[in-house]
Amino acid sequence: MDQDEKLEFGGKVFELTPLPFGVLKKIQPLLAGALDIAAQARAGGGLPAPELFDNVVEVVRLALTRADPTVTREWVEDNLTLSNTEAVISSIFRVSGVRTQPSGEAPTVP
């Protein structure tokens, strides 16, 4: 059974729905970066590499455009911060049934 979840982000409310295989396939190579960026910042490791920012933005954009097709890469970049990245990514993954793992480990599906 699908579970929807509301995400308040960037002044909008998104009705998140589980990501289908096609979208999960697109974001799978980007997942490690999406999970590591918040952990690295939290651990005081400084700013992540620029390509990790790109990975996170693309994961969030792909997920949010399912709820709102007007969401652009630029909009995500303008609204995503180091302090809200973990919550946004966790919401996207949780609604899709993906469990996040400690940094360095791939996400799993229960």
PDB file of N, CA and C in Angstrom:
ATOM      1  N   MET A   1       0.847  -1.182   0.000  1.00  0.00           N
ATOM      2  CA  MET A   1       0.000   0.000   0.000  1.00  0.00           C
ATOM      3  C   MET A   1       0.891   1.243   0.000  1.00  0.00           C
ATOM      4  N   ASP A   2       0.576   2.197  -0.853  1.00  0.00           N
ATOM      5  CA  ASP A   2       1.348   3.427  -0.943  1.00  0.00           C
ATOM      6  C   ASP A   2       1.026   4.332   0.235  1.00  0.00           C
ATOM      7  N   GLN A   3       2.071   5.011   0.709  1.00  0.00           N
ATOM      8  CA  GLN A   3       1.900   5.992   1.760  1.00  0.00           C
ATOM      9  C   GLN A   3       2.330   7.335   1.211  1.00  0.00           C
ATOM     10  N   ASP A   4       1.471   8.329   1.321  1.00  0.00           N
ATOM     11  CA  ASP A   4       1.823   9.669   0.914  1.00  0.00           C
ATOM     12  C   ASP A   4       2.294  10.431   2.142  1.00  0.00           C
ATOM     13  N   GLU A   5       3.072  11.456   1.906  1.00  0.00           N
ATOM     14  CA  GLU A   5       3.593  12.263   2.999  1.00  0.00           C
ATOM     15  C   GLU A   5       3.656  13.701   2.526  1.00  0.00           C
ATOM     16  N   LYS A   6       3.263  14.623   3.383  1.00  0.00           N
ATOM     17  CA  LYS A   6       3.369  16.034   3.043  1.00  0.00           C
ATOM     18  C   LYS A   6       4.728  16.558   3.498  1.00  0.00           C
ATOM     19  N   LEU A   7       5.335  17.348   2.630  1.00  0.00           N
ATOM     20  CA  LEU A   7       6.627  17.962   2.916  1.00  0.00           C
ATOM     21  C   LEU A   7       6.487  19.456   2.711  1.00  0.00           C
ATOM     22  N   GLU A   8       6.726  20.223   3.778  1.00  0.00           N
ATOM     23  CA  GLU A   8       6.759  21.683   3.668  1.00  0.00           C
ATOM     24  C   GLU A   8       8.199  22.072   3.403  1.00  0.00           C
ATOM     25  N   PHE A   9       8.409  22.732   2.261  1.00  0.00           N
ATOM     26  CA  PHE A   9       9.764  23.046   1.834  1.00  0.00           C
ATOM     27  C   PHE A   9       9.726  24.234   0.884  1.00  0.00           C
ATOM     28  N   GLY A  10      10.532  25.245   1.165  1.00  0.00           N
ATOM     29  CA  GLY A  10      10.631  26.396   0.282  1.00  0.00           C
ATOM     30  C   GLY A  10       9.344  27.174   0.129  1.00  0.00           C
ATOM     31  N   GLY A  11       8.521  27.191   1.170  1.00  0.00           N
ATOM     32  CA  GLY A  11       7.272  27.928   1.119  1.00  0.00           C
ATOM     33  C   GLY A  11       6.153  27.201   0.386  1.00  0.00           C
ATOM     34  N   LYS A  12       6.389  25.961   0.020  1.00  0.00           N
ATOM     35  CA  LYS A  12       5.377  25.153  -0.659  1.00  0.00           C
ATOM     36  C   LYS A  12       5.108  23.898   0.158  1.00  0.00           C
ATOM     37  N   VAL A  13       3.963  23.288  -0.087  1.00  0.00           N
ATOM     38  CA  VAL A  13       3.645  21.998   0.513  1.00  0.00           C
ATOM     39  C   VAL A  13       3.555  20.990  -0.624  1.00  0.00           C
ATOM     40  N   PHE A  14       4.362  19.938  -0.518  1.00  0.00           N
ATOM     41  CA  PHE A  14       4.398  18.896  -1.540  1.00  0.00           C
ATOM     42  C   PHE A  14       3.750  17.635  -1.001  1.00  0.00           C
ATOM     43  N   GLU A  15       2.907  17.032  -1.797  1.00  0.00           N
ATOM     44  CA  GLU A  15       2.317  15.734  -1.467  1.00  0.00           C
ATOM     45  C   GLU A  15       3.234  14.682  -2.095  1.00  0.00           C
ATOM     46  N   LEU A  16       4.148  14.162  -1.283  1.00  0.00           N
ATOM     47  CA  LEU A  16       5.103  13.173  -1.785  1.00  0.00           C
ATOM     48  C   LEU A  16       4.422  11.828  -1.945  1.00  0.00           C
ATOM     49  N   THR A  17       4.732  11.162  -3.024  1.00  0.00           N
ATOM     50  CA  THR A  17       4.244   9.807  -3.266  1.00  0.00           C
ATOM     51  C   THR A  17       5.452   8.916  -3.525  1.00  0.00           C
ATOM     52  N   PRO A  18       5.294   7.623  -3.344  1.00  0.00           N
ATOM     53  CA  PRO A  18       6.432   6.720  -3.578  1.00  0.00           C
ATOM     54  C   PRO A  18       6.982   6.883  -4.995  1.00  0.00           C
ATOM     55  N   LEU A  19       8.288   6.883  -5.090  1.00  0.00           N
ATOM     56  CA  LEU A  19       8.935   7.008  -6.393  1.00  0.00           C
ATOM     57  C   LEU A  19       8.871   5.674  -7.131  1.00  0.00           C
ATOM     58  N   PRO A  20       8.491   5.698  -8.394  1.00  0.00           N
ATOM     59  CA  PRO A  20       8.444   4.459  -9.174  1.00  0.00           C
ATOM     60  C   PRO A  20       9.860   4.007  -9.538  1.00  0.00           C
ATOM     61  N   PHE A  21       9.962   2.775 -10.001  1.00  0.00           N
ATOM     62  CA  PHE A  21      11.264   2.205 -10.360  1.00  0.00           C
ATOM     63  C   PHE A  21      12.051   3.091 -11.318  1.00  0.00           C
ATOM     64  N   GLY A  22      11.383   3.678 -12.285  1.00  0.00           N
ATOM     65  CA  GLY A  22      12.076   4.508 -13.271  1.00  0.00           C
ATOM     66  C   GLY A  22      12.820   5.670 -12.638  1.00  0.00           C
ATOM     67  N   VAL A  23      12.184   6.335 -11.678  1.00  0.00           N
ATOM     68  CA  VAL A  23      12.828   7.457 -10.994  1.00  0.00           C
ATOM     69  C   VAL A  23      13.913   6.936 -10.055  1.00  0.00           C
ATOM     70  N   LEU A  24      13.630   5.857  -9.331  1.00  0.00           N
ATOM     71  CA  LEU A  24      14.651   5.286  -8.443  1.00  0.00           C
ATOM     72  C   LEU A  24      15.890   4.877  -9.232  1.00  0.00           C
ATOM     73  N   LYS A  25      15.670   4.351 -10.434  1.00  0.00           N
ATOM     74  CA  LYS A  25      16.796   3.957 -11.281  1.00  0.00           C
ATOM     75  C   LYS A  25      17.643   5.177 -11.657  1.00  0.00           C
ATOM     76  N   LYS A  26      16.986   6.300 -11.945  1.00  0.00           N
ATOM     77  CA  LYS A  26      17.708   7.524 -12.298  1.00  0.00           C
ATOM     78  C   LYS A  26      18.508   8.084 -11.129  1.00  0.00           C
ATOM     79  N   ILE A  27      17.935   8.002  -9.929  1.00  0.00           N
ATOM     80  CA  ILE A  27      18.614   8.628  -8.791  1.00  0.00           C
ATOM     81  C   ILE A  27      19.564   7.693  -8.055  1.00  0.00           C
ATOM     82  N   GLN A  28      19.501   6.402  -8.341  1.00  0.00           N
ATOM     83  CA  GLN A  28      20.334   5.444  -7.611  1.00  0.00           C
ATOM     84  C   GLN A  28      21.813   5.834  -7.609  1.00  0.00           C
ATOM     85  N   PRO A  29      22.398   6.225  -8.733  1.00  0.00           N
ATOM     86  CA  PRO A  29      23.815   6.596  -8.707  1.00  0.00           C
ATOM     87  C   PRO A  29      24.094   7.860  -7.893  1.00  0.00           C
ATOM     88  N   LEU A  30      23.059   8.637  -7.617  1.00  0.00           N
ATOM     89  CA  LEU A  30      23.228   9.899  -6.901  1.00  0.00           C
ATOM     90  C   LEU A  30      23.007   9.765  -5.401  1.00  0.00           C
ATOM     91  N   LEU A  31      22.485   8.619  -4.960  1.00  0.00           N
ATOM     92  CA  LEU A  31      22.037   8.474  -3.575  1.00  0.00           C
ATOM     93  C   LEU A  31      23.145   8.645  -2.545  1.00  0.00           C
ATOM     94  N   ALA A  32      24.306   8.095  -2.785  1.00  0.00           N
ATOM     95  CA  ALA A  32      25.383   8.198  -1.792  1.00  0.00           C
ATOM     96  C   ALA A  32      25.704   9.656  -1.508  1.00  0.00           C
ATOM     97  N   GLY A  33      25.775  10.468  -2.543  1.00  0.00           N
ATOM     98  CA  GLY A  33      26.047  11.885  -2.347  1.00  0.00           C
ATOM     99  C   GLY A  33      24.944  12.579  -1.591  1.00  0.00           C
ATOM    100  N   ALA A  34      23.710  12.218  -1.879  1.00  0.00           N
ATOM    101  CA  ALA A  34      22.572  12.839  -1.211  1.00  0.00           C
ATOM    102  C   ALA A  34      22.586  12.554   0.283  1.00  0.00           C
ATOM    103  N   LEU A  35      23.007  11.369   0.652  1.00  0.00           N
ATOM    104  CA  LEU A  35      23.043  11.018   2.069  1.00  0.00           C
ATOM    105  C   LEU A  35      24.267  11.583   2.765  1.00  0.00           C
ATOM    106  N   ASP A  36      25.365  11.707   2.046  1.00  0.00           N
ATOM    107  CA  ASP A  36      26.620  12.142   2.660  1.00  0.00           C
ATOM    108  C   ASP A  36      26.715  13.630   2.904  1.00  0.00           C
ATOM    109  N   ILE A  37      26.021  14.432   2.114  1.00  0.00           N
ATOM    110  CA  ILE A  37      26.204  15.878   2.198  1.00  0.00           C
ATOM    111  C   ILE A  37      25.808  16.438   3.568  1.00  0.00           C
ATOM    112  N   ALA A  38      24.679  16.016   4.097  1.00  0.00           N
ATOM    113  CA  ALA A  38      24.244  16.509   5.401  1.00  0.00           C
ATOM    114  C   ALA A  38      25.122  15.948   6.509  1.00  0.00           C
ATOM    115  N   ALA A  39      25.489  14.682   6.400  1.00  0.00           N
ATOM    116  CA  ALA A  39      26.337  14.067   7.419  1.00  0.00           C
ATOM    117  C   ALA A  39      27.699  14.751   7.487  1.00  0.00           C
ATOM    118  N   GLN A  40      28.256  15.076   6.344  1.00  0.00           N
ATOM    119  CA  GLN A  40      29.561  15.725   6.309  1.00  0.00           C
ATOM    120  C   GLN A  40      29.496  17.113   6.942  1.00  0.00           C
ATOM    121  N   ALA A  41      28.470  17.859   6.638  1.00  0.00           N
ATOM    122  CA  ALA A  41      28.319  19.186   7.208  1.00  0.00           C
ATOM    123  C   ALA A  41      28.099  19.111   8.714  1.00  0.00           C
ATOM    124  N   ARG A  42      27.283  18.143   9.149  1.00  0.00           N
ATOM    125  CA  ARG A  42      26.984  17.972  10.569  1.00  0.00           C
ATOM    126  C   ARG A  42      28.230  17.593  11.354  1.00  0.00           C
ATOM    127  N   ALA A  43      29.105  16.820  10.728  1.00  0.00           N
ATOM    128  CA  ALA A  43      30.313  16.351  11.405  1.00  0.00           C
ATOM    129  C   ALA A  43      31.406  17.408  11.423  1.00  0.00           C
ATOM    130  N   GLY A  44      31.128  18.574  10.870  1.00  0.00           N
ATOM    131  CA  GLY A  44      32.122  19.635  10.868  1.00  0.00           C
ATOM    132  C   GLY A  44      33.191  19.436   9.817  1.00  0.00           C
ATOM    133  N   GLY A  45      32.882  18.654   8.794  1.00  0.00           N
ATOM    134  CA  GLY A  45      33.857  18.355   7.755  1.00  0.00           C
ATOM    135  C   GLY A  45      33.943  19.417   6.682  1.00  0.00           C
ATOM    136  N   GLY A  46      33.310  20.565   6.884  1.00  0.00           N
ATOM    137  CA  GLY A  46      33.344  21.609   5.866  1.00  0.00           C
ATOM    138  C   GLY A  46      32.345  21.337   4.766  1.00  0.00           C
ATOM    139  N   LEU A  47      32.461  22.110   3.730  1.00  0.00           N
ATOM    140  CA  LEU A  47      31.534  21.968   2.611  1.00  0.00           C
ATOM    141  C   LEU A  47      31.903  20.774   1.751  1.00  0.00           C
ATOM    142  N   PRO A  48      30.908  20.028   1.313  1.00  0.00           N
ATOM    143  CA  PRO A  48      31.155  18.887   0.424  1.00  0.00           C
ATOM    144  C   PRO A  48      31.622  19.346  -0.957  1.00  0.00           C
ATOM    145  N   ALA A  49      32.112  18.414  -1.735  1.00  0.00           N
ATOM    146  CA  ALA A  49      32.538  18.688  -3.104  1.00  0.00           C
ATOM    147  C   ALA A  49      31.342  19.175  -3.929  1.00  0.00           C
ATOM    148  N   PRO A  50      31.587  20.044  -4.905  1.00  0.00           N
ATOM    149  CA  PRO A  50      30.491  20.591  -5.719  1.00  0.00           C
ATOM    150  C   PRO A  50      29.617  19.519  -6.379  1.00  0.00           C
ATOM    151  N   GLU A  51      30.201  18.412  -6.794  1.00  0.00           N
ATOM    152  CA  GLU A  51      29.385  17.377  -7.444  1.00  0.00           C
ATOM    153  C   GLU A  51      28.387  16.752  -6.476  1.00  0.00           C
ATOM    154  N   LEU A  52      28.681  16.757  -5.177  1.00  0.00           N
ATOM    155  CA  LEU A  52      27.711  16.247  -4.211  1.00  0.00           C
ATOM    156  C   LEU A  52      26.508  17.168  -4.124  1.00  0.00           C
ATOM    157  N   PHE A  53      26.747  18.477  -4.187  1.00  0.00           N
ATOM    158  CA  PHE A  53      25.623  19.418  -4.228  1.00  0.00           C
ATOM    159  C   PHE A  53      24.748  19.131  -5.442  1.00  0.00           C
ATOM    160  N   ASP A  54      25.374  18.929  -6.598  1.00  0.00           N
ATOM    161  CA  ASP A  54      24.619  18.638  -7.813  1.00  0.00           C
ATOM    162  C   ASP A  54      23.787  17.371  -7.662  1.00  0.00           C
ATOM    163  N   ASN A  55      24.361  16.342  -7.047  1.00  0.00           N
ATOM    164  CA  ASN A  55      23.634  15.083  -6.831  1.00  0.00           C
ATOM    165  C   ASN A  55      22.399  15.304  -5.972  1.00  0.00           C
ATOM    166  N   VAL A  56      22.563  16.020  -4.886  1.00  0.00           N
ATOM    167  CA  VAL A  56      21.446  16.261  -3.968  1.00  0.00           C
ATOM    168  C   VAL A  56      20.350  17.056  -4.666  1.00  0.00           C
ATOM    169  N   VAL A  57      20.724  18.097  -5.362  1.00  0.00           N
ATOM    170  CA  VAL A  57      19.740  18.926  -6.064  1.00  0.00           C
ATOM    171  C   VAL A  57      18.963  18.079  -7.073  1.00  0.00           C
ATOM    172  N   GLU A  58      19.651  17.226  -7.798  1.00  0.00           N
ATOM    173  CA  GLU A  58      18.967  16.411  -8.813  1.00  0.00           C
ATOM    174  C   GLU A  58      18.020  15.393  -8.174  1.00  0.00           C
ATOM    175  N   VAL A  59      18.422  14.768  -7.079  1.00  0.00           N
ATOM    176  CA  VAL A  59      17.544  13.825  -6.375  1.00  0.00           C
ATOM    177  C   VAL A  59      16.274  14.541  -5.911  1.00  0.00           C
ATOM    178  N   VAL A  60      16.443  15.687  -5.288  1.00  0.00           N
ATOM    179  CA  VAL A  60      15.286  16.438  -4.780  1.00  0.00           C
ATOM    180  C   VAL A  60      14.410  16.912  -5.942  1.00  0.00           C
ATOM    181  N   ARG A  61      15.016  17.424  -7.005  1.00  0.00           N
ATOM    182  CA  ARG A  61      14.240  17.895  -8.153  1.00  0.00           C
ATOM    183  C   ARG A  61      13.405  16.771  -8.769  1.00  0.00           C
ATOM    184  N   LEU A  62      14.024  15.619  -8.985  1.00  0.00           N
ATOM    185  CA  LEU A  62      13.292  14.498  -9.573  1.00  0.00           C
ATOM    186  C   LEU A  62      12.113  14.076  -8.701  1.00  0.00           C
ATOM    187  N   ALA A  63      12.306  14.067  -7.404  1.00  0.00           N
ATOM    188  CA  ALA A  63      11.221  13.663  -6.502  1.00  0.00           C
ATOM    189  C   ALA A  63      10.111  14.707  -6.444  1.00  0.00           C
ATOM    190  N   LEU A  64      10.484  15.981  -6.347  1.00  0.00           N
ATOM    191  CA  LEU A  64       9.476  17.019  -6.177  1.00  0.00           C
ATOM    192  C   LEU A  64       8.706  17.322  -7.450  1.00  0.00           C
ATOM    193  N   THR A  65       9.307  17.121  -8.617  1.00  0.00           N
ATOM    194  CA  THR A  65       8.577  17.393  -9.851  1.00  0.00           C
ATOM    195  C   THR A  65       7.418  16.426 -10.054  1.00  0.00           C
ATOM    196  N   ARG A  66       7.442  15.305  -9.372  1.00  0.00           N
ATOM    197  CA  ARG A  66       6.286  14.393  -9.422  1.00  0.00           C
ATOM    198  C   ARG A  66       5.084  15.036  -8.740  1.00  0.00           C
ATOM    199  N   ALA A  67       5.329  15.812  -7.689  1.00  0.00           N
ATOM    200  CA  ALA A  67       4.246  16.486  -6.970  1.00  0.00           C
ATOM    201  C   ALA A  67       3.922  17.853  -7.580  1.00  0.00           C
ATOM    202  N   ASP A  68       4.934  18.504  -8.152  1.00  0.00           N
ATOM    203  CA  ASP A  68       4.751  19.834  -8.729  1.00  0.00           C
ATOM    204  C   ASP A  68       5.688  19.972  -9.926  1.00  0.00           C
ATOM    205  N   PRO A  69       5.153  19.788 -11.131  1.00  0.00           N
ATOM    206  CA  PRO A  69       5.990  19.828 -12.334  1.00  0.00           C
ATOM    207  C   PRO A  69       6.683  21.169 -12.583  1.00  0.00           C
ATOM    208  N   THR A  70       6.294  22.222 -11.852  1.00  0.00           N
ATOM    209  CA  THR A  70       6.929  23.527 -12.059  1.00  0.00           C
ATOM    210  C   THR A  70       8.249  23.671 -11.303  1.00  0.00           C
ATOM    211  N   VAL A  71       8.576  22.709 -10.445  1.00  0.00           N
ATOM    212  CA  VAL A  71       9.829  22.784  -9.676  1.00  0.00           C
ATOM    213  C   VAL A  71      11.009  22.630 -10.623  1.00  0.00           C
ATOM    214  N   THR A  72      11.921  23.581 -10.548  1.00  0.00           N
ATOM    215  CA  THR A  72      13.110  23.565 -11.393  1.00  0.00           C
ATOM    216  C   THR A  72      14.357  23.311 -10.550  1.00  0.00           C
ATOM    217  N   ARG A  73      15.431  23.007 -11.232  1.00  0.00           N
ATOM    218  CA  ARG A  73      16.721  22.839 -10.571  1.00  0.00           C
ATOM    219  C   ARG A  73      17.100  24.120  -9.814  1.00  0.00           C
ATOM    220  N   GLU A  74      16.878  25.256 -10.441  1.00  0.00           N
ATOM    221  CA  GLU A  74      17.202  26.542  -9.812  1.00  0.00           C
ATOM    222  C   GLU A  74      16.378  26.762  -8.548  1.00  0.00           C
ATOM    223  N   TRP A  75      15.085  26.390  -8.600  1.00  0.00           N
ATOM    224  CA  TRP A  75      14.242  26.559  -7.414  1.00  0.00           C
ATOM    225  C   TRP A  75      14.774  25.708  -6.267  1.00  0.00           C
ATOM    226  N   VAL A  76      15.141  24.467  -6.562  1.00  0.00           N
ATOM    227  CA  VAL A  76      15.691  23.590  -5.518  1.00  0.00           C
ATOM    228  C   VAL A  76      16.971  24.197  -4.963  1.00  0.00           C
ATOM    229  N   GLU A  77      17.872  24.657  -5.837  1.00  0.00           N
ATOM    230  CA  GLU A  77      19.126  25.251  -5.377  1.00  0.00           C
ATOM    231  C   GLU A  77      18.882  26.478  -4.493  1.00  0.00           C
ATOM    232  N   ASP A  78      17.841  27.250  -4.788  1.00  0.00           N
ATOM    233  CA  ASP A  78      17.527  28.446  -4.002  1.00  0.00           C
ATOM    234  C   ASP A  78      16.905  28.130  -2.650  1.00  0.00           C
ATOM    235  N   ASN A  79      16.338  26.944  -2.492  1.00  0.00           N
ATOM    236  CA  ASN A  79      15.610  26.626  -1.262  1.00  0.00           C
ATOM    237  C   ASN A  79      16.243  25.543  -0.403  1.00  0.00           C
ATOM    238  N   LEU A  80      17.135  24.762  -0.957  1.00  0.00           N
ATOM    239  CA  LEU A  80      17.784  23.694  -0.201  1.00  0.00           C
ATOM    240  C   LEU A  80      18.995  24.260   0.539  1.00  0.00           C
ATOM    241  N   THR A  81      19.097  23.936   1.820  1.00  0.00           N
ATOM    242  CA  THR A  81      20.225  24.399   2.635  1.00  0.00           C
ATOM    243  C   THR A  81      20.847  23.201   3.335  1.00  0.00           C
ATOM    244  N   LEU A  82      22.025  23.407   3.894  1.00  0.00           N
ATOM    245  CA  LEU A  82      22.651  22.323   4.649  1.00  0.00           C
ATOM    246  C   LEU A  82      21.780  21.919   5.836  1.00  0.00           C
ATOM    247  N   SER A  83      21.049  22.869   6.401  1.00  0.00           N
ATOM    248  CA  SER A  83      20.244  22.545   7.580  1.00  0.00           C
ATOM    249  C   SER A  83      18.941  21.824   7.242  1.00  0.00           C
ATOM    250  N   ASN A  84      18.427  21.923   6.018  1.00  0.00           N
ATOM    251  CA  ASN A  84      17.174  21.225   5.709  1.00  0.00           C
ATOM    252  C   ASN A  84      17.362  20.026   4.777  1.00  0.00           C
ATOM    253  N   THR A  85      18.565  19.820   4.272  1.00  0.00           N
ATOM    254  CA  THR A  85      18.812  18.739   3.315  1.00  0.00           C
ATOM    255  C   THR A  85      18.438  17.373   3.870  1.00  0.00           C
ATOM    256  N   GLU A  86      18.884  17.081   5.073  1.00  0.00           N
ATOM    257  CA  GLU A  86      18.631  15.759   5.644  1.00  0.00           C
ATOM    258  C   GLU A  86      17.136  15.475   5.785  1.00  0.00           C
ATOM    259  N   ALA A  87      16.370  16.470   6.250  1.00  0.00           N
ATOM    260  CA  ALA A  87      14.927  16.275   6.428  1.00  0.00           C
ATOM    261  C   ALA A  87      14.229  16.074   5.089  1.00  0.00           C
ATOM    262  N   VAL A  88      14.620  16.837   4.078  1.00  0.00           N
ATOM    263  CA  VAL A  88      13.998  16.720   2.758  1.00  0.00           C
ATOM    264  C   VAL A  88      14.298  15.352   2.149  1.00  0.00           C
ATOM    265  N   ILE A  89      15.573  14.970   2.149  1.00  0.00           N
ATOM    266  CA  ILE A  89      15.972  13.679   1.580  1.00  0.00           C
ATOM    267  C   ILE A  89      15.312  12.530   2.340  1.00  0.00           C
ATOM    268  N   SER A  90      15.300  12.612   3.656  1.00  0.00           N
ATOM    269  CA  SER A  90      14.690  11.552   4.465  1.00  0.00           C
ATOM    270  C   SER A  90      13.212  11.389   4.148  1.00  0.00           C
ATOM    271  N   SER A  91      12.500  12.495   3.971  1.00  0.00           N
ATOM    272  CA  SER A  91      11.076  12.423   3.628  1.00  0.00           C
ATOM    273  C   SER A  91      10.876  11.753   2.277  1.00  0.00           C
ATOM    274  N   ILE A  92      11.690  12.139   1.308  1.00  0.00           N
ATOM    275  CA  ILE A  92      11.586  11.563  -0.043  1.00  0.00           C
ATOM    276  C   ILE A  92      11.835  10.057   0.014  1.00  0.00           C
ATOM    277  N   PHE A  93      12.874   9.646   0.723  1.00  0.00           N
ATOM    278  CA  PHE A  93      13.205   8.226   0.798  1.00  0.00           C
ATOM    279  C   PHE A  93      12.187   7.445   1.613  1.00  0.00           C
ATOM    280  N   ARG A  94      11.766   8.015   2.735  1.00  0.00           N
ATOM    281  CA  ARG A  94      10.824   7.311   3.622  1.00  0.00           C
ATOM    282  C   ARG A  94       9.529   6.961   2.896  1.00  0.00           C
ATOM    283  N   VAL A  95       8.972   7.913   2.163  1.00  0.00           N
ATOM    284  CA  VAL A  95       7.705   7.672   1.474  1.00  0.00           C
ATOM    285  C   VAL A  95       7.871   6.621   0.371  1.00  0.00           C
ATOM    286  N   SER A  96       9.098   6.448  -0.118  1.00  0.00           N
ATOM    287  CA  SER A  96       9.358   5.449  -1.161  1.00  0.00           C
ATOM    288  C   SER A  96       9.772   4.098  -0.603  1.00  0.00           C
ATOM    289  N   GLY A  97       9.873   3.993   0.719  1.00  0.00           N
ATOM    290  CA  GLY A  97      10.242   2.728   1.327  1.00  0.00           C
ATOM    291  C   GLY A  97      11.735   2.466   1.345  1.00  0.00           C
ATOM    292  N   VAL A  98      12.542   3.515   1.160  1.00  0.00           N
ATOM    293  CA  VAL A  98      13.990   3.368   1.180  1.00  0.00           C
ATOM    294  C   VAL A  98      14.487   3.740   2.565  1.00  0.00           C
ATOM    295  N   ARG A  99      15.257   2.845   3.159  1.00  0.00           N
ATOM    296  CA  ARG A  99      15.845   3.111   4.479  1.00  0.00           C
ATOM    297  C   ARG A  99      17.214   3.744   4.279  1.00  0.00           C
ATOM    298  N   THR A 100      17.443   4.859   4.965  1.00  0.00           N
ATOM    299  CA  THR A 100      18.759   5.473   4.881  1.00  0.00           C
ATOM    300  C   THR A 100      19.694   4.792   5.869  1.00  0.00           C
ATOM    301  N   GLN A 101      20.929   4.682   5.463  1.00  0.00           N
ATOM    302  CA  GLN A 101      21.959   4.013   6.265  1.00  0.00           C
ATOM    303  C   GLN A 101      22.983   5.037   6.718  1.00  0.00           C
ATOM    304  N   PRO A 102      23.832   4.681   7.678  1.00  0.00           N
ATOM    305  CA  PRO A 102      24.905   5.581   8.051  1.00  0.00           C
ATOM    306  C   PRO A 102      25.755   5.919   6.839  1.00  0.00           C
ATOM    307  N   SER A 103      26.431   7.047   6.918  1.00  0.00           N
ATOM    308  CA  SER A 103      27.248   7.529   5.814  1.00  0.00           C
ATOM    309  C   SER A 103      28.151   6.433   5.258  1.00  0.00           C
ATOM    310  N   GLY A 104      28.208   6.370   3.943  1.00  0.00           N
ATOM    311  CA  GLY A 104      29.078   5.402   3.299  1.00  0.00           C
ATOM    312  C   GLY A 104      28.393   4.106   2.927  1.00  0.00           C
ATOM    313  N   GLU A 105      27.199   3.872   3.443  1.00  0.00           N
ATOM    314  CA  GLU A 105      26.471   2.649   3.116  1.00  0.00           C
ATOM    315  C   GLU A 105      25.317   2.982   2.183  1.00  0.00           C
ATOM    316  N   ALA A 106      25.045   2.103   1.275  1.00  0.00           N
ATOM    317  CA  ALA A 106      23.958   2.321   0.320  1.00  0.00           C
ATOM    318  C   ALA A 106      22.606   2.197   1.009  1.00  0.00           C
ATOM    319  N   PRO A 107      21.615   2.983   0.557  1.00  0.00           N
ATOM    320  CA  PRO A 107      20.264   2.830   1.088  1.00  0.00           C
ATOM    321  C   PRO A 107      19.704   1.468   0.726  1.00  0.00           C
ATOM    322  N   THR A 108      18.767   1.006   1.523  1.00  0.00           N
ATOM    323  CA  THR A 108      18.153  -0.293   1.271  1.00  0.00           C
ATOM    324  C   THR A 108      16.645  -0.151   1.233  1.00  0.00           C
ATOM    325  N   VAL A 109      16.002  -1.121   0.613  1.00  0.00           N
ATOM    326  CA  VAL A 109      14.547  -1.170   0.595  1.00  0.00           C
ATOM    327  C   VAL A 109      14.132  -2.294   1.526  1.00  0.00           C
ATOM    328  N   PRO A 110      13.213  -1.990   2.483  1.00  0.00           N
ATOM    329  CA  PRO A 110      12.820  -3.038   3.441  1.00  0.00           C
ATOM    330  C   PRO A 110      12.109  -4.195   2.785  1.00  0.00           C
TER     331      PRO A 110
END
